[in-house]
Amino acid sequence: MAKKPNPFNPFGDDASAAQFADSVRASAQQIWLAGLGAFAKAQAEGSKVFEGLVKEGSDMQSKTQASAREGLHEAGARFGSMANDIGARAAGQWDKLEGIFEERVAKALRKLGVPRLEELEQLAARVDALERAAQRPAASRKTATRPRHAAATPPPSVPTKRAARKRAAPRGD
């Protein structure tokens, strides 16, 4: 009877199967040793790698914070400028509104006959002048006034145009 080939043994004979198994064991042993070596190296140099990563992270953090500060400064400057513009516009609008209000109040006061400030100041100045004149001694007031008899005489009459025409017109029959 012929032997059936073993699907797990591609070499066919027992010697080559043993040789194959030995090479697999040797490879597995090498892989295991490589893993242990990598682990030992990672432990030994792990702290150095960790410190390097921490340093790189710190550098990255300081760069991003500086960039963020710069961006905040620029944004603050832009917002400050915008706030100043808005404030100036608002002040201009308030000034306009105040002017309109003052004009309407002044118009209403004129309709009611309330004197303006300038008129009151002129009146106060005239009252002050009259008070000063009243406080002067009586002798100086007499020389400043005209004599009584001059006030009693009426001013000379001036002929009117109608009277001149009557005199000039010839008299008829």
N, C-alpha and C. Protein backbone atom coordinates (compact mmCIF):
# COMPACT_ATOMS: atom_id res chain seq x y z
N MET A 1 0.80 -1.15 0.00
CA MET A 1 0.00 0.00 0.00
C MET A 1 0.86 1.23 0.00
N ALA A 2 0.42 2.14 -0.74
CA ALA A 2 1.19 3.38 -0.85
C ALA A 2 0.81 4.30 0.29
N LYS A 3 1.81 4.94 0.73
CA LYS A 3 1.58 5.87 1.83
C LYS A 3 0.94 7.14 1.29
N LYS A 4 -0.01 7.65 2.03
CA LYS A 4 -0.64 8.92 1.67
C LYS A 4 0.30 10.06 2.07
N PRO A 5 0.39 11.05 1.23
CA PRO A 5 1.24 12.16 1.63
C PRO A 5 0.60 12.94 2.79
N ASN A 6 1.43 13.37 3.70
CA ASN A 6 0.97 14.15 4.86
C ASN A 6 0.81 15.60 4.42
N PRO A 7 -0.42 16.17 4.59
CA PRO A 7 -0.62 17.54 4.15
C PRO A 7 0.20 18.54 4.95
N PHE A 8 0.60 18.19 6.16
CA PHE A 8 1.37 19.11 6.98
C PHE A 8 2.87 18.98 6.73
N ASN A 9 3.27 17.99 5.99
CA ASN A 9 4.68 17.76 5.71
C ASN A 9 4.90 17.91 4.22
N PRO A 10 5.34 19.06 3.76
CA PRO A 10 5.51 19.26 2.33
C PRO A 10 6.72 18.56 1.79
N PHE A 11 7.63 18.13 2.67
CA PHE A 11 8.87 17.51 2.20
C PHE A 11 8.69 16.03 1.88
N GLY A 12 7.74 15.40 2.46
CA GLY A 12 7.46 14.01 2.13
C GLY A 12 8.12 13.00 3.04
N ASP A 13 9.35 13.10 3.38
CA ASP A 13 9.98 12.08 4.21
C ASP A 13 10.15 12.59 5.63
N ASP A 14 10.47 11.69 6.53
CA ASP A 14 10.55 12.02 7.95
C ASP A 14 11.78 12.83 8.27
N ALA A 15 12.86 12.62 7.59
CA ALA A 15 14.09 13.35 7.86
C ALA A 15 13.91 14.81 7.50
N SER A 16 13.34 15.04 6.39
CA SER A 16 13.13 16.42 6.01
C SER A 16 12.10 17.07 6.91
N ALA A 17 11.15 16.36 7.45
CA ALA A 17 10.17 16.92 8.37
C ALA A 17 10.85 17.31 9.66
N ALA A 18 11.76 16.53 10.13
CA ALA A 18 12.47 16.84 11.36
C ALA A 18 13.35 18.06 11.15
N GLN A 19 13.96 18.11 9.99
CA GLN A 19 14.81 19.26 9.66
C GLN A 19 13.96 20.53 9.60
N PHE A 20 12.80 20.43 9.04
CA PHE A 20 11.88 21.56 8.94
C PHE A 20 11.47 22.02 10.34
N ALA A 21 11.14 21.10 11.20
CA ALA A 21 10.71 21.42 12.56
C ALA A 21 11.84 22.10 13.31
N ASP A 22 13.06 21.62 13.11
CA ASP A 22 14.19 22.26 13.77
C ASP A 22 14.38 23.69 13.28
N SER A 23 14.23 23.93 12.00
CA SER A 23 14.40 25.29 11.47
C SER A 23 13.29 26.21 11.97
N VAL A 24 12.10 25.67 12.13
CA VAL A 24 10.99 26.49 12.65
C VAL A 24 11.28 26.84 14.09
N ARG A 25 11.75 25.82 14.90
CA ARG A 25 12.08 26.08 16.30
C ARG A 25 13.19 27.13 16.40
N ALA A 26 14.17 27.04 15.56
CA ALA A 26 15.27 28.00 15.59
C ALA A 26 14.78 29.40 15.24
N SER A 27 13.93 29.49 14.24
CA SER A 27 13.37 30.80 13.87
C SER A 27 12.54 31.37 15.01
N ALA A 28 11.74 30.54 15.63
CA ALA A 28 10.90 30.99 16.74
C ALA A 28 11.77 31.46 17.88
N GLN A 29 12.86 30.71 18.12
CA GLN A 29 13.79 31.10 19.19
C GLN A 29 14.42 32.44 18.88
N GLN A 30 14.80 32.67 17.62
CA GLN A 30 15.40 33.95 17.24
C GLN A 30 14.39 35.09 17.38
N ILE A 31 13.16 34.83 16.97
CA ILE A 31 12.11 35.87 17.09
C ILE A 31 11.91 36.21 18.56
N TRP A 32 11.88 35.17 19.41
CA TRP A 32 11.70 35.39 20.85
C TRP A 32 12.85 36.21 21.40
N LEU A 33 14.06 35.89 21.03
CA LEU A 33 15.23 36.61 21.53
C LEU A 33 15.25 38.05 21.01
N ALA A 34 14.83 38.27 19.77
CA ALA A 34 14.76 39.62 19.21
C ALA A 34 13.74 40.44 20.00
N GLY A 35 12.62 39.84 20.34
CA GLY A 35 11.60 40.53 21.14
C GLY A 35 12.13 40.92 22.50
N LEU A 36 12.85 39.93 23.17
CA LEU A 36 13.43 40.23 24.47
C LEU A 36 14.47 41.34 24.37
N GLY A 37 15.26 41.32 23.31
CA GLY A 37 16.27 42.37 23.12
C GLY A 37 15.61 43.73 22.91
N ALA A 38 14.53 43.77 22.13
CA ALA A 38 13.81 45.03 21.90
C ALA A 38 13.21 45.54 23.20
N PHE A 39 12.69 44.61 24.00
CA PHE A 39 12.11 45.00 25.29
C PHE A 39 13.19 45.56 26.21
N ALA A 40 14.33 44.92 26.26
CA ALA A 40 15.43 45.39 27.11
C ALA A 40 15.92 46.75 26.65
N LYS A 41 16.05 46.90 25.33
CA LYS A 41 16.50 48.18 24.79
C LYS A 41 15.48 49.28 25.09
N ALA A 42 14.19 48.96 24.96
CA ALA A 42 13.13 49.92 25.23
C ALA A 42 13.17 50.34 26.69
N GLN A 43 13.45 49.37 27.58
CA GLN A 43 13.54 49.73 29.00
C GLN A 43 14.74 50.63 29.25
N ALA A 44 15.84 50.31 28.63
CA ALA A 44 17.06 51.08 28.86
C ALA A 44 16.96 52.47 28.25
N GLU A 45 16.46 52.56 27.04
CA GLU A 45 16.38 53.84 26.36
C GLU A 45 15.00 54.48 26.47
N GLY A 46 14.09 53.80 27.12
CA GLY A 46 12.72 54.30 27.26
C GLY A 46 12.67 55.64 27.94
N SER A 47 13.45 55.83 29.00
CA SER A 47 13.43 57.10 29.70
C SER A 47 13.98 58.21 28.82
N LYS A 48 15.01 57.88 28.00
CA LYS A 48 15.55 58.89 27.08
C LYS A 48 14.51 59.26 26.03
N VAL A 49 13.83 58.27 25.50
CA VAL A 49 12.79 58.54 24.49
C VAL A 49 11.65 59.34 25.11
N PHE A 50 11.26 58.96 26.35
CA PHE A 50 10.19 59.66 27.04
C PHE A 50 10.57 61.12 27.27
N GLU A 51 11.80 61.37 27.73
CA GLU A 51 12.26 62.74 27.95
C GLU A 51 12.29 63.52 26.64
N GLY A 52 12.70 62.87 25.56
CA GLY A 52 12.70 63.52 24.25
C GLY A 52 11.30 63.89 23.81
N LEU A 53 10.33 63.00 24.04
CA LEU A 53 8.93 63.29 23.69
C LEU A 53 8.38 64.43 24.54
N VAL A 54 8.72 64.45 25.83
CA VAL A 54 8.27 65.53 26.70
C VAL A 54 8.84 66.86 26.21
N LYS A 55 10.11 66.89 25.83
CA LYS A 55 10.74 68.12 25.35
C LYS A 55 10.06 68.60 24.06
N GLU A 56 9.82 67.66 23.14
CA GLU A 56 9.14 68.04 21.88
C GLU A 56 7.74 68.55 22.16
N GLY A 57 7.04 67.92 23.10
CA GLY A 57 5.69 68.38 23.47
C GLY A 57 5.72 69.77 24.08
N SER A 58 6.72 70.03 24.93
CA SER A 58 6.86 71.35 25.56
C SER A 58 7.14 72.41 24.50
N ASP A 59 8.02 72.10 23.57
CA ASP A 59 8.32 73.04 22.48
C ASP A 59 7.07 73.35 21.67
N MET A 60 6.32 72.29 21.36
CA MET A 60 5.10 72.47 20.57
C MET A 60 4.08 73.31 21.33
N GLN A 61 3.96 73.08 22.64
CA GLN A 61 3.02 73.84 23.44
C GLN A 61 3.41 75.32 23.48
N SER A 62 4.68 75.64 23.66
CA SER A 62 5.09 77.04 23.71
C SER A 62 4.85 77.73 22.37
N LYS A 63 5.09 76.99 21.26
CA LYS A 63 4.84 77.58 19.93
C LYS A 63 3.36 77.87 19.74
N THR A 64 2.49 76.93 20.12
CA THR A 64 1.05 77.14 19.94
C THR A 64 0.55 78.24 20.86
N GLN A 65 1.09 78.35 22.08
CA GLN A 65 0.66 79.43 22.98
C GLN A 65 1.09 80.78 22.43
N ALA A 66 2.30 80.86 21.89
CA ALA A 66 2.76 82.13 21.31
C ALA A 66 1.89 82.52 20.12
N SER A 67 1.57 81.53 19.30
CA SER A 67 0.70 81.80 18.15
C SER A 67 -0.68 82.24 18.61
N ALA A 68 -1.20 81.59 19.65
CA ALA A 68 -2.51 81.97 20.17
C ALA A 68 -2.48 83.38 20.75
N ARG A 69 -1.41 83.72 21.50
CA ARG A 69 -1.30 85.07 22.05
C ARG A 69 -1.27 86.12 20.95
N GLU A 70 -0.51 85.82 19.89
CA GLU A 70 -0.41 86.75 18.77
C GLU A 70 -1.78 86.93 18.11
N GLY A 71 -2.49 85.82 17.93
CA GLY A 71 -3.82 85.89 17.34
C GLY A 71 -4.78 86.66 18.22
N LEU A 72 -4.69 86.47 19.54
CA LEU A 72 -5.55 87.21 20.46
C LEU A 72 -5.23 88.69 20.43
N HIS A 73 -3.94 89.01 20.36
CA HIS A 73 -3.54 90.43 20.30
C HIS A 73 -4.11 91.09 19.05
N GLU A 74 -3.98 90.41 17.91
CA GLU A 74 -4.51 90.97 16.66
C GLU A 74 -6.02 91.11 16.73
N ALA A 75 -6.69 90.09 17.27
CA ALA A 75 -8.15 90.15 17.37
C ALA A 75 -8.56 91.28 18.32
N GLY A 76 -7.83 91.43 19.43
CA GLY A 76 -8.14 92.51 20.37
C GLY A 76 -7.97 93.87 19.73
N ALA A 77 -6.91 94.02 18.94
CA ALA A 77 -6.70 95.30 18.26
C ALA A 77 -7.82 95.58 17.26
N ARG A 78 -8.23 94.54 16.52
CA ARG A 78 -9.32 94.73 15.55
C ARG A 78 -10.62 95.09 16.26
N PHE A 79 -10.92 94.37 17.35
CA PHE A 79 -12.16 94.65 18.08
C PHE A 79 -12.11 96.03 18.73
N GLY A 80 -10.94 96.44 19.21
CA GLY A 80 -10.81 97.78 19.78
C GLY A 80 -11.06 98.85 18.74
N SER A 81 -10.53 98.64 17.57
CA SER A 81 -10.73 99.59 16.47
C SER A 81 -12.21 99.66 16.10
N MET A 82 -12.83 98.49 16.01
CA MET A 82 -14.26 98.45 15.68
C MET A 82 -15.07 99.15 16.75
N ALA A 83 -14.72 98.93 18.01
CA ALA A 83 -15.45 99.57 19.12
C ALA A 83 -15.30 101.09 19.04
N ASN A 84 -14.10 101.58 18.73
CA ASN A 84 -13.90 103.02 18.59
C ASN A 84 -14.74 103.59 17.46
N ASP A 85 -14.78 102.87 16.32
CA ASP A 85 -15.60 103.33 15.19
C ASP A 85 -17.07 103.39 15.56
N ILE A 86 -17.54 102.35 16.23
CA ILE A 86 -18.95 102.30 16.63
C ILE A 86 -19.23 103.42 17.62
N GLY A 87 -18.31 103.64 18.56
CA GLY A 87 -18.49 104.71 19.54
C GLY A 87 -18.56 106.08 18.87
N ALA A 88 -17.70 106.29 17.89
CA ALA A 88 -17.70 107.58 17.18
C ALA A 88 -19.01 107.77 16.41
N ARG A 89 -19.47 106.71 15.78
CA ARG A 89 -20.75 106.81 15.05
C ARG A 89 -21.89 107.10 16.01
N ALA A 90 -21.89 106.40 17.14
CA ALA A 90 -22.96 106.60 18.13
C ALA A 90 -22.92 108.03 18.66
N ALA A 91 -21.73 108.55 18.93
CA ALA A 91 -21.61 109.92 19.43
C ALA A 91 -22.13 110.90 18.38
N GLY A 92 -21.83 110.65 17.12
CA GLY A 92 -22.32 111.51 16.05
C GLY A 92 -23.84 111.49 15.98
N GLN A 93 -24.42 110.33 16.14
CA GLN A 93 -25.88 110.21 16.11
C GLN A 93 -26.50 110.93 17.31
N TRP A 94 -25.86 110.80 18.49
CA TRP A 94 -26.38 111.49 19.67
C TRP A 94 -26.28 113.00 19.47
N ASP A 95 -25.19 113.46 18.87
CA ASP A 95 -25.05 114.90 18.62
C ASP A 95 -26.15 115.39 17.68
N LYS A 96 -26.43 114.61 16.64
CA LYS A 96 -27.51 114.97 15.71
C LYS A 96 -28.84 115.04 16.44
N LEU A 97 -29.11 114.02 17.25
CA LEU A 97 -30.36 113.95 17.99
C LEU A 97 -30.47 115.12 18.95
N GLU A 98 -29.36 115.46 19.60
CA GLU A 98 -29.36 116.58 20.54
C GLU A 98 -29.64 117.89 19.80
N GLY A 99 -29.03 118.05 18.62
CA GLY A 99 -29.27 119.26 17.84
C GLY A 99 -30.72 119.40 17.41
N ILE A 100 -31.31 118.31 16.96
CA ILE A 100 -32.71 118.33 16.55
C ILE A 100 -33.60 118.68 17.75
N PHE A 101 -33.30 118.08 18.90
CA PHE A 101 -34.08 118.34 20.10
C PHE A 101 -33.98 119.81 20.50
N GLU A 102 -32.76 120.37 20.48
CA GLU A 102 -32.57 121.77 20.85
C GLU A 102 -33.31 122.71 19.89
N GLU A 103 -33.27 122.40 18.59
CA GLU A 103 -33.98 123.23 17.61
C GLU A 103 -35.48 123.23 17.87
N ARG A 104 -36.03 122.06 18.15
CA ARG A 104 -37.48 121.97 18.37
C ARG A 104 -37.89 122.66 19.66
N VAL A 105 -37.08 122.53 20.71
CA VAL A 105 -37.40 123.21 21.96
C VAL A 105 -37.34 124.72 21.76
N ALA A 106 -36.31 125.21 21.05
CA ALA A 106 -36.17 126.64 20.80
C ALA A 106 -37.36 127.16 19.98
N LYS A 107 -37.79 126.39 19.01
CA LYS A 107 -38.94 126.79 18.18
C LYS A 107 -40.20 126.88 19.04
N ALA A 108 -40.40 125.89 19.91
CA ALA A 108 -41.58 125.90 20.77
C ALA A 108 -41.53 127.09 21.74
N LEU A 109 -40.36 127.39 22.27
CA LEU A 109 -40.23 128.52 23.19
C LEU A 109 -40.48 129.84 22.47
N ARG A 110 -40.02 129.97 21.21
CA ARG A 110 -40.29 131.20 20.45
C ARG A 110 -41.79 131.37 20.22
N LYS A 111 -42.49 130.27 19.94
CA LYS A 111 -43.93 130.35 19.72
C LYS A 111 -44.66 130.78 20.98
N LEU A 112 -44.11 130.39 22.14
CA LEU A 112 -44.73 130.76 23.41
C LEU A 112 -44.34 132.16 23.85
N GLY A 113 -43.38 132.78 23.16
CA GLY A 113 -42.96 134.13 23.49
C GLY A 113 -41.90 134.19 24.57
N VAL A 114 -41.24 133.09 24.85
CA VAL A 114 -40.17 133.08 25.85
C VAL A 114 -38.94 133.69 25.20
N PRO A 115 -38.33 134.68 25.86
CA PRO A 115 -37.16 135.33 25.25
C PRO A 115 -35.95 134.39 25.21
N ARG A 116 -35.10 134.63 24.23
CA ARG A 116 -33.88 133.84 24.10
C ARG A 116 -32.85 134.33 25.10
N LEU A 117 -31.78 133.57 25.27
CA LEU A 117 -30.72 133.90 26.21
C LEU A 117 -30.07 135.23 25.86
N GLU A 118 -29.82 135.44 24.56
CA GLU A 118 -29.18 136.69 24.15
C GLU A 118 -30.06 137.89 24.51
N GLU A 119 -31.37 137.75 24.29
CA GLU A 119 -32.28 138.85 24.61
C GLU A 119 -32.29 139.14 26.11
N LEU A 120 -32.24 138.08 26.92
CA LEU A 120 -32.22 138.28 28.37
C LEU A 120 -30.91 138.93 28.80
N GLU A 121 -29.80 138.56 28.18
CA GLU A 121 -28.52 139.18 28.50
C GLU A 121 -28.52 140.67 28.14
N GLN A 122 -29.10 141.02 26.98
CA GLN A 122 -29.19 142.43 26.58
C GLN A 122 -30.05 143.21 27.57
N LEU A 123 -31.15 142.61 27.98
CA LEU A 123 -32.04 143.25 28.94
C LEU A 123 -31.33 143.45 30.27
N ALA A 124 -30.58 142.46 30.71
CA ALA A 124 -29.85 142.58 31.97
C ALA A 124 -28.81 143.70 31.87
N ALA A 125 -28.16 143.83 30.74
CA ALA A 125 -27.17 144.89 30.55
C ALA A 125 -27.84 146.26 30.60
N ARG A 126 -29.02 146.37 30.01
CA ARG A 126 -29.74 147.65 30.04
C ARG A 126 -30.18 148.00 31.46
N VAL A 127 -30.62 146.98 32.21
CA VAL A 127 -31.04 147.23 33.60
C VAL A 127 -29.83 147.68 34.42
N ASP A 128 -28.69 147.03 34.21
CA ASP A 128 -27.47 147.43 34.92
C ASP A 128 -27.12 148.88 34.60
N ALA A 129 -27.21 149.26 33.34
CA ALA A 129 -26.88 150.64 32.95
C ALA A 129 -27.85 151.62 33.60
N LEU A 130 -29.13 151.25 33.65
CA LEU A 130 -30.11 152.14 34.29
C LEU A 130 -29.86 152.25 35.79
N GLU A 131 -29.48 151.16 36.43
CA GLU A 131 -29.18 151.21 37.86
C GLU A 131 -27.98 152.10 38.13
N ARG A 132 -26.95 152.00 37.31
CA ARG A 132 -25.78 152.87 37.48
C ARG A 132 -26.16 154.34 37.29
N ALA A 133 -27.00 154.58 36.31
CA ALA A 133 -27.42 155.97 36.05
C ALA A 133 -28.25 156.49 37.22
N ALA A 134 -29.06 155.63 37.83
CA ALA A 134 -29.90 156.06 38.95
C ALA A 134 -29.06 156.30 40.20
N GLN A 135 -27.95 155.67 40.33
CA GLN A 135 -27.12 155.81 41.52
C GLN A 135 -26.18 157.01 41.43
N ARG A 136 -26.04 157.64 40.24
CA ARG A 136 -25.19 158.83 40.13
C ARG A 136 -25.79 159.98 40.93
N PRO A 137 -24.95 160.91 41.39
CA PRO A 137 -25.49 162.05 42.15
C PRO A 137 -26.47 162.87 41.31
N ALA A 138 -27.38 163.52 41.97
CA ALA A 138 -28.44 164.28 41.30
C ALA A 138 -27.87 165.41 40.45
N ALA A 139 -26.80 166.04 40.85
CA ALA A 139 -26.22 167.17 40.11
C ALA A 139 -25.73 166.70 38.74
N SER A 140 -25.11 165.55 38.68
CA SER A 140 -24.63 165.09 37.39
C SER A 140 -25.78 164.64 36.51
N ARG A 141 -26.88 164.25 37.11
CA ARG A 141 -28.03 163.85 36.30
C ARG A 141 -28.69 165.06 35.66
N LYS A 142 -28.68 166.21 36.35
CA LYS A 142 -29.33 167.40 35.81
C LYS A 142 -28.61 167.90 34.57
N THR A 143 -27.32 167.84 34.58
CA THR A 143 -26.59 168.31 33.41
C THR A 143 -26.75 167.37 32.25
N ALA A 144 -27.02 166.13 32.55
CA ALA A 144 -27.15 165.15 31.48
C ALA A 144 -28.52 165.21 30.84
N THR A 145 -29.52 165.80 31.55
CA THR A 145 -30.87 165.85 30.97
C THR A 145 -31.08 167.19 30.31
N ARG A 146 -32.05 167.31 29.44
CA ARG A 146 -32.31 168.58 28.78
C ARG A 146 -33.24 169.44 29.64
N PRO A 147 -33.26 170.72 29.40
CA PRO A 147 -34.08 171.61 30.24
C PRO A 147 -35.56 171.34 30.05
N ARG A 148 -36.35 171.67 31.09
CA ARG A 148 -37.79 171.41 31.06
C ARG A 148 -38.49 172.20 29.98
N HIS A 149 -38.15 173.39 29.77
CA HIS A 149 -38.87 174.23 28.79
C HIS A 149 -38.67 173.70 27.38
N ALA A 150 -37.54 173.01 27.13
CA ALA A 150 -37.31 172.48 25.80
C ALA A 150 -38.26 171.35 25.51
N ALA A 151 -38.64 170.64 26.54
CA ALA A 151 -39.56 169.52 26.32
C ALA A 151 -40.97 170.03 26.09
N ALA A 152 -41.30 171.25 26.61
CA ALA A 152 -42.65 171.77 26.47
C ALA A 152 -42.92 172.33 25.10
N THR A 153 -41.89 172.77 24.39
CA THR A 153 -42.12 173.34 23.08
C THR A 153 -42.20 172.22 22.06
N PRO A 154 -43.18 172.28 21.22
CA PRO A 154 -43.31 171.23 20.21
C PRO A 154 -42.25 171.41 19.13
N PRO A 155 -41.88 170.36 18.48
CA PRO A 155 -40.89 170.47 17.42
C PRO A 155 -41.46 171.22 16.23
N PRO A 156 -40.61 171.90 15.49
CA PRO A 156 -41.14 172.65 14.34
C PRO A 156 -41.76 171.70 13.34
N SER A 157 -42.86 172.15 12.74
CA SER A 157 -43.57 171.28 11.80
C SER A 157 -42.89 171.34 10.45
N VAL A 158 -42.87 170.20 9.83
CA VAL A 158 -42.25 170.09 8.51
C VAL A 158 -43.39 170.04 7.51
N PRO A 159 -43.32 170.89 6.51
CA PRO A 159 -44.43 170.86 5.54
C PRO A 159 -44.44 169.54 4.79
N THR A 160 -45.61 169.04 4.58
CA THR A 160 -45.76 167.78 3.87
C THR A 160 -45.85 168.04 2.39
N LYS A 161 -45.76 166.99 1.63
CA LYS A 161 -45.83 167.10 0.17
C LYS A 161 -47.22 167.60 -0.25
N ARG A 162 -48.25 167.17 0.46
CA ARG A 162 -49.61 167.60 0.10
C ARG A 162 -49.77 169.10 0.27
N ALA A 163 -49.23 169.62 1.39
CA ALA A 163 -49.34 171.07 1.62
C ALA A 163 -48.57 171.82 0.55
N ALA A 164 -47.42 171.32 0.14
CA ALA A 164 -46.62 171.98 -0.88
C ALA A 164 -47.38 171.96 -2.21
N ARG A 165 -48.08 170.91 -2.53
CA ARG A 165 -48.83 170.86 -3.77
C ARG A 165 -49.99 171.83 -3.78
N LYS A 166 -50.62 171.98 -2.61
CA LYS A 166 -51.75 172.92 -2.53
C LYS A 166 -51.27 174.35 -2.79
N ARG A 167 -50.13 174.64 -2.23
CA ARG A 167 -49.64 176.00 -2.42
C ARG A 167 -49.22 176.21 -3.88
N ALA A 168 -48.68 175.19 -4.48
CA ALA A 168 -48.19 175.34 -5.83
C ALA A 168 -49.32 175.30 -6.86
N ALA A 169 -50.41 174.69 -6.56
CA ALA A 169 -51.51 174.56 -7.53
C ALA A 169 -52.20 175.91 -7.72
N PRO A 170 -52.45 176.24 -8.95
CA PRO A 170 -53.16 177.54 -9.19
C PRO A 170 -54.60 177.42 -8.70
N ARG A 171 -55.05 178.49 -8.20
CA ARG A 171 -56.41 178.50 -7.70
C ARG A 171 -57.36 178.89 -8.80
N GLY A 172 -58.29 178.12 -8.90
CA GLY A 172 -59.27 178.39 -9.92
C GLY A 172 -60.30 179.39 -9.46
N ASP A 173 -61.26 179.70 -10.25
CA ASP A 173 -62.22 180.74 -9.96
C ASP A 173 -62.81 180.58 -8.68
